[in-house]
Amino acid sequence: PKKIEFFAGQRVVAASAGADHTLAVTADGVAWSCGSGQQDWDADNQDTDGCNCLGHGDYTTHQKPKKIETLAGRRIVAVSAGWAHGFAIT
């Protein structure tokens, strides 16, 4: 394990890892994501159009956590990341 310096000074209260992305929640109820912004395959390994897997409205890959702005104003209490999806609970 390695400390994630990005969150220095913040307390991470929840985290979940998916296939190519990670979700986190800080004590102030803010949701963060990082990893691959695009999954371009389906269960049968067929090409698809991709998905916005990080919740930022695009297909960009982010190596460092980025606040999920679409959830701004909501207090997030839990997150769950799956193969090519993520959930946030308010």
C-alpha atoms as a PDB file:
ATOM      1  CA  PRO A   1       0.000   0.000   0.000  1.00  0.00           C
ATOM      2  CA  LYS A   2       1.038   3.569  -0.635  1.00  0.00           C
ATOM      3  CA  LYS A   3      -0.367   6.762   0.790  1.00  0.00           C
ATOM      4  CA  ILE A   4      -2.204   8.832  -1.812  1.00  0.00           C
ATOM      5  CA  GLU A   5      -0.615  12.244  -1.407  1.00  0.00           C
ATOM      6  CA  PHE A   6      -3.470  13.902  -3.300  1.00  0.00           C
ATOM      7  CA  PHE A   7      -5.715  13.487  -0.255  1.00  0.00           C
ATOM      8  CA  ALA A   8      -3.182  14.870   2.270  1.00  0.00           C
ATOM      9  CA  GLY A   9      -5.088  16.929   4.838  1.00  0.00           C
ATOM     10  CA  GLN A  10      -8.404  15.289   3.931  1.00  0.00           C
ATOM     11  CA  ARG A  11     -10.052  12.250   5.447  1.00  0.00           C
ATOM     12  CA  VAL A  12     -11.274   9.647   2.970  1.00  0.00           C
ATOM     13  CA  VAL A  13     -14.306   7.904   4.482  1.00  0.00           C
ATOM     14  CA  ALA A  14     -15.189   5.549   1.606  1.00  0.00           C
ATOM     15  CA  ALA A  15     -13.477   4.134  -1.467  1.00  0.00           C
ATOM     16  CA  SER A  16     -14.218   1.516  -4.097  1.00  0.00           C
ATOM     17  CA  ALA A  17     -12.191   0.115  -6.993  1.00  0.00           C
ATOM     18  CA  GLY A  18     -13.684  -0.953 -10.321  1.00  0.00           C
ATOM     19  CA  ALA A  19     -12.010  -2.597 -13.286  1.00  0.00           C
ATOM     20  CA  ASP A  20     -10.188   0.537 -14.451  1.00  0.00           C
ATOM     21  CA  HIS A  21     -11.396   3.288 -12.128  1.00  0.00           C
ATOM     22  CA  THR A  22     -11.612   4.225  -8.472  1.00  0.00           C
ATOM     23  CA  LEU A  23     -14.212   6.223  -6.538  1.00  0.00           C
ATOM     24  CA  ALA A  24     -13.689   7.934  -3.186  1.00  0.00           C
ATOM     25  CA  VAL A  25     -15.653  10.069  -0.732  1.00  0.00           C
ATOM     26  CA  THR A  26     -14.060  12.585   1.608  1.00  0.00           C
ATOM     27  CA  ALA A  27     -15.426  13.487   5.061  1.00  0.00           C
ATOM     28  CA  ASP A  28     -17.075  16.606   3.643  1.00  0.00           C
ATOM     29  CA  GLY A  29     -19.310  14.421   1.436  1.00  0.00           C
ATOM     30  CA  VAL A  30     -17.518  15.139  -1.850  1.00  0.00           C
ATOM     31  CA  ALA A  31     -17.184  12.332  -4.416  1.00  0.00           C
ATOM     32  CA  TRP A  32     -13.960  11.877  -6.391  1.00  0.00           C
ATOM     33  CA  SER A  33     -12.965   9.595  -9.250  1.00  0.00           C
ATOM     34  CA  CYS A  34      -9.863   8.655 -11.185  1.00  0.00           C
ATOM     35  CA  GLY A  35      -8.754   6.083 -13.717  1.00  0.00           C
ATOM     36  CA  SER A  36      -9.953   5.276 -17.204  1.00  0.00           C
ATOM     37  CA  GLY A  37     -12.779   7.485 -18.428  1.00  0.00           C
ATOM     38  CA  GLN A  38     -13.770   5.082 -21.164  1.00  0.00           C
ATOM     39  CA  GLN A  39     -14.661   1.416 -21.232  1.00  0.00           C
ATOM     40  CA  ASP A  40     -14.792   0.355 -24.862  1.00  0.00           C
ATOM     41  CA  TRP A  41     -15.808  -3.276 -24.635  1.00  0.00           C
ATOM     42  CA  ASP A  42     -18.806  -5.273 -23.512  1.00  0.00           C
ATOM     43  CA  ALA A  43     -19.157  -8.666 -21.845  1.00  0.00           C
ATOM     44  CA  ASP A  44     -18.401 -10.462 -25.137  1.00  0.00           C
ATOM     45  CA  ASN A  45     -15.291  -8.315 -25.783  1.00  0.00           C
ATOM     46  CA  GLN A  46     -17.092  -6.576 -28.641  1.00  0.00           C
ATOM     47  CA  ASP A  47     -16.249  -2.952 -29.395  1.00  0.00           C
ATOM     48  CA  THR A  48     -18.841  -0.471 -28.162  1.00  0.00           C
ATOM     49  CA  ASP A  49     -19.108   3.293 -28.141  1.00  0.00           C
ATOM     50  CA  GLY A  50     -17.673   3.518 -24.646  1.00  0.00           C
ATOM     51  CA  CYS A  51     -19.100   5.067 -21.522  1.00  0.00           C
ATOM     52  CA  ASN A  52     -18.433   8.039 -19.293  1.00  0.00           C
ATOM     53  CA  CYS A  53     -17.119   5.893 -16.452  1.00  0.00           C
ATOM     54  CA  LEU A  54     -15.768   8.642 -14.200  1.00  0.00           C
ATOM     55  CA  GLY A  55     -18.832  10.904 -14.114  1.00  0.00           C
ATOM     56  CA  HIS A  56     -17.139  13.997 -15.540  1.00  0.00           C
ATOM     57  CA  GLY A  57     -19.212  14.240 -18.728  1.00  0.00           C
ATOM     58  CA  ASP A  58     -16.432  13.080 -21.030  1.00  0.00           C
ATOM     59  CA  TYR A  59     -14.203  10.093 -21.764  1.00  0.00           C
ATOM     60  CA  THR A  60     -10.994  11.584 -20.350  1.00  0.00           C
ATOM     61  CA  THR A  61      -8.673   9.424 -18.263  1.00  0.00           C
ATOM     62  CA  HIS A  62      -7.578  11.040 -14.994  1.00  0.00           C
ATOM     63  CA  GLN A  63      -4.472   9.774 -13.205  1.00  0.00           C
ATOM     64  CA  LYS A  64      -5.237  11.865 -10.109  1.00  0.00           C
ATOM     65  CA  PRO A  65      -8.589  12.047  -8.313  1.00  0.00           C
ATOM     66  CA  LYS A  66     -10.977  14.649  -9.706  1.00  0.00           C
ATOM     67  CA  LYS A  67     -14.060  15.996  -7.963  1.00  0.00           C
ATOM     68  CA  ILE A  68     -17.262  14.746  -9.604  1.00  0.00           C
ATOM     69  CA  GLU A  69     -18.877  18.121 -10.281  1.00  0.00           C
ATOM     70  CA  THR A  70     -22.199  16.600 -11.387  1.00  0.00           C
ATOM     71  CA  LEU A  71     -22.679  15.591  -7.733  1.00  0.00           C
ATOM     72  CA  ALA A  72     -21.823  19.039  -6.327  1.00  0.00           C
ATOM     73  CA  GLY A  73     -24.282  20.182  -3.691  1.00  0.00           C
ATOM     74  CA  ARG A  74     -25.131  16.630  -2.663  1.00  0.00           C
ATOM     75  CA  ARG A  75     -23.609  15.013   0.402  1.00  0.00           C
ATOM     76  CA  ILE A  76     -22.317  11.616  -0.724  1.00  0.00           C
ATOM     77  CA  VAL A  77     -22.115   8.964   1.997  1.00  0.00           C
ATOM     78  CA  ALA A  78     -21.020   5.896   0.009  1.00  0.00           C
ATOM     79  CA  VAL A  79     -19.722   4.861  -3.414  1.00  0.00           C
ATOM     80  CA  SER A  80     -19.422   1.584  -5.255  1.00  0.00           C
ATOM     81  CA  ALA A  81     -17.422   0.939  -8.423  1.00  0.00           C
ATOM     82  CA  GLY A  82     -18.018  -2.055 -10.669  1.00  0.00           C
ATOM     83  CA  TRP A  83     -16.716  -3.418 -13.953  1.00  0.00           C
ATOM     84  CA  ALA A  84     -17.782  -0.387 -16.017  1.00  0.00           C
ATOM     85  CA  HIS A  85     -20.054   1.566 -13.697  1.00  0.00           C
ATOM     86  CA  GLY A  86     -20.172   3.436 -10.439  1.00  0.00           C
ATOM     87  CA  PHE A  87     -22.816   4.413  -7.902  1.00  0.00           C
ATOM     88  CA  ALA A  88     -22.981   7.175  -5.331  1.00  0.00           C
ATOM     89  CA  ILE A  89     -25.420   7.185  -2.425  1.00  0.00           C
ATOM     90  CA  THR A  90     -26.628  10.411  -0.861  1.00  0.00           C
END
